[in-house]
Protein backbone atom coordinates (compact mmCIF):
# COMPACT_ATOMS: atom_id res chain seq x y z
CA UNK A 1 10.91 169.15 83.71
CA UNK A 2 8.92 166.30 85.08
CA UNK A 3 5.63 165.13 83.70
CA UNK A 4 2.70 163.86 85.67
CA UNK A 5 3.66 160.32 84.76
CA UNK A 6 7.06 160.76 86.37
CA UNK A 7 5.50 162.20 89.52
CA UNK A 8 2.94 159.41 89.62
CA UNK A 9 5.61 156.73 89.19
CA UNK A 10 7.73 158.32 91.92
CA UNK A 11 4.69 158.37 94.24
CA UNK A 12 3.90 154.74 93.52
CA UNK A 13 7.54 153.85 94.16
CA UNK A 14 7.40 155.58 97.56
CA UNK A 15 4.13 153.81 98.46
CA UNK A 16 5.63 150.44 97.52
CA UNK A 17 8.79 151.23 99.48
CA UNK A 18 6.71 151.98 102.57
CA UNK A 19 4.24 149.08 102.19
CA UNK A 20 6.73 146.37 101.23
CA UNK A 21 7.95 145.73 104.80
CA UNK A 22 4.42 146.08 106.22
CA UNK A 23 2.70 143.50 103.97
CA UNK A 24 4.59 140.44 105.33
CA UNK A 25 3.93 141.60 108.88
CA UNK A 26 0.20 141.96 108.14
CA UNK A 27 0.15 138.59 106.35
CA UNK A 28 1.82 136.92 109.35
CA UNK A 29 -0.65 138.55 111.74
CA UNK A 30 -3.57 137.38 109.59
CA UNK A 31 -2.13 133.86 109.43
CA UNK A 32 -1.72 133.72 113.23
CA UNK A 33 -5.27 135.00 113.74
CA UNK A 34 -6.70 132.34 111.40
CA UNK A 35 -4.68 129.55 113.04
CA UNK A 36 -5.74 130.76 116.49
CA UNK A 37 -9.37 130.87 115.44
CA UNK A 38 -9.17 127.34 114.03
CA UNK A 39 -7.49 126.06 117.20
CA UNK A 40 -10.20 127.58 119.38
CA UNK A 41 -12.91 126.01 117.23
CA UNK A 42 -11.07 122.69 117.30
CA UNK A 43 -10.69 122.85 121.08
CA UNK A 44 -14.41 123.61 121.48
CA UNK A 45 -15.23 120.69 119.17
CA UNK A 46 -12.99 118.32 121.16
CA UNK A 47 -14.46 119.55 124.44
CA UNK A 48 -17.98 118.88 123.15
CA UNK A 49 -16.96 115.38 122.09
CA UNK A 50 -15.38 114.69 125.49
CA UNK A 51 -18.57 115.84 127.18
CA UNK A 52 -20.61 113.55 124.92
CA UNK A 53 -18.27 110.65 125.67
CA UNK A 54 -18.63 111.24 129.42
CA UNK A 55 -22.42 111.29 129.14
CA UNK A 56 -22.43 108.14 127.02
CA UNK A 57 -20.05 106.41 129.45
CA UNK A 58 -22.30 107.23 132.40
CA UNK A 59 -25.37 106.01 130.51
CA UNK A 60 -23.53 102.79 129.62
CA UNK A 61 -22.47 102.16 133.22
CA UNK A 62 -25.99 102.85 134.48
CA UNK A 63 -27.45 100.53 131.86
CA UNK A 64 -25.13 97.74 133.00
CA UNK A 65 -26.16 98.39 136.61
CA UNK A 66 -29.87 98.27 135.68
CA UNK A 67 -29.38 95.03 133.75
CA UNK A 68 -27.59 93.51 136.76
CA UNK A 69 -30.37 94.72 139.07
CA UNK A 70 -33.00 93.11 136.85
CA UNK A 71 -31.13 89.82 137.03
CA UNK A 72 -30.87 90.05 140.82
CA UNK A 73 -33.17 92.67 142.38
CA UNK A 74 -31.18 92.74 145.62
CA UNK A 75 -27.95 93.50 143.80
CA UNK A 76 -26.92 97.12 143.45
CA UNK A 77 -23.72 97.73 141.50
CA UNK A 78 -21.23 99.51 143.74
CA UNK A 79 -20.02 102.93 142.69
CA UNK A 80 -16.47 101.79 141.93
CA UNK A 81 -17.82 99.12 139.56
CA UNK A 82 -19.93 101.69 137.72
CA UNK A 83 -16.96 104.02 137.57
CA UNK A 84 -14.73 101.30 136.15
CA UNK A 85 -17.34 100.42 133.51
CA UNK A 86 -17.74 104.08 132.56
CA UNK A 87 -14.00 104.75 132.31
CA UNK A 88 -13.42 101.59 130.25
CA UNK A 89 -16.16 102.68 127.86
CA UNK A 90 -14.82 106.25 127.67
CA UNK A 91 -11.24 105.18 126.91
CA UNK A 92 -12.43 102.85 124.15
CA UNK A 93 -14.65 105.60 122.71
CA UNK A 94 -11.82 108.16 122.71
CA UNK A 95 -9.65 105.72 120.79
CA UNK A 96 -12.48 104.82 118.40
CA UNK A 97 -13.16 108.46 117.57
CA UNK A 98 -9.46 109.12 117.05
CA UNK A 99 -9.39 112.02 119.46
CA UNK A 100 -6.02 113.28 120.64
CA UNK A 101 -4.83 112.16 124.02
CA UNK A 102 -6.84 114.09 126.54
CA UNK A 103 -6.15 114.45 130.20
CA UNK A 104 -7.56 111.19 131.50
CA UNK A 105 -7.85 112.62 134.98
CA UNK A 106 -10.20 115.35 133.80
CA UNK A 107 -12.28 112.80 131.86
CA UNK A 108 -12.45 110.61 134.97
CA UNK A 109 -13.49 113.61 137.08
CA UNK A 110 -16.19 114.51 134.57
CA UNK A 111 -17.53 110.95 134.57
CA UNK A 112 -17.37 110.80 138.36
CA UNK A 113 -19.30 114.04 138.60
CA UNK A 114 -21.98 112.85 136.21
CA UNK A 115 -22.26 109.47 137.92
CA UNK A 116 -22.82 111.35 141.17
CA UNK A 117 -25.63 113.36 139.59
CA UNK A 118 -27.27 110.25 138.13
CA UNK A 119 -27.05 108.39 141.43
CA UNK A 120 -28.42 111.37 143.36
CA UNK A 121 -31.31 111.82 140.92
CA UNK A 122 -32.09 108.10 140.91
CA UNK A 123 -32.20 108.00 144.70
CA UNK A 124 -34.47 111.03 144.73
CA UNK A 125 -37.10 109.32 142.56
CA UNK A 126 -36.46 105.80 143.87
CA UNK A 127 -35.65 104.11 140.56
CA UNK A 128 -35.62 100.32 140.64
CA UNK A 129 -32.18 98.84 141.08
CA UNK A 130 -31.03 101.60 143.41
CA UNK A 131 -31.22 100.96 147.12
CA UNK A 132 -32.75 103.84 148.95
CA UNK A 133 -32.09 103.69 152.65
CA UNK A 134 -35.28 103.97 154.66
CA UNK A 135 -35.32 104.84 158.35
CA UNK A 136 -36.32 102.02 160.69
CA UNK A 137 -40.05 101.79 161.45
CA UNK A 138 -41.21 104.09 164.15
CA UNK A 139 -38.72 106.88 163.42
CA UNK A 140 -40.03 110.04 161.79
CA UNK A 141 -38.93 110.67 158.22
CA UNK A 142 -37.21 113.95 157.51
């Protein structure tokens, strides 16, 4: 004749027998989820830093171009010179911040895109140091 204690112990034994193989699987799934979550957050953080670096590089290149234009008002830094200044700054900043190697081509494309926006906006408002082509006198302006 079994007592309630024996039945309870047998039930607990069955539960442990069933759960024992499941617990490591659940622990592994939880571990993978946490690692994945951390990697996503890390990737987002790195992407934000790369975006900041690109913006800073463009600002640096534009500042150099403005300083050169102040020294010689007829001088406008060519686009390739601004791009070279921006990329040099960006590479140094990536190394200084200790970021992992990122795809340099994508960083260059991001800088190139932002330089294009800055140049377009500067031409639209006619900032000093940026040559804006004017039509010859006598021709209607668009």
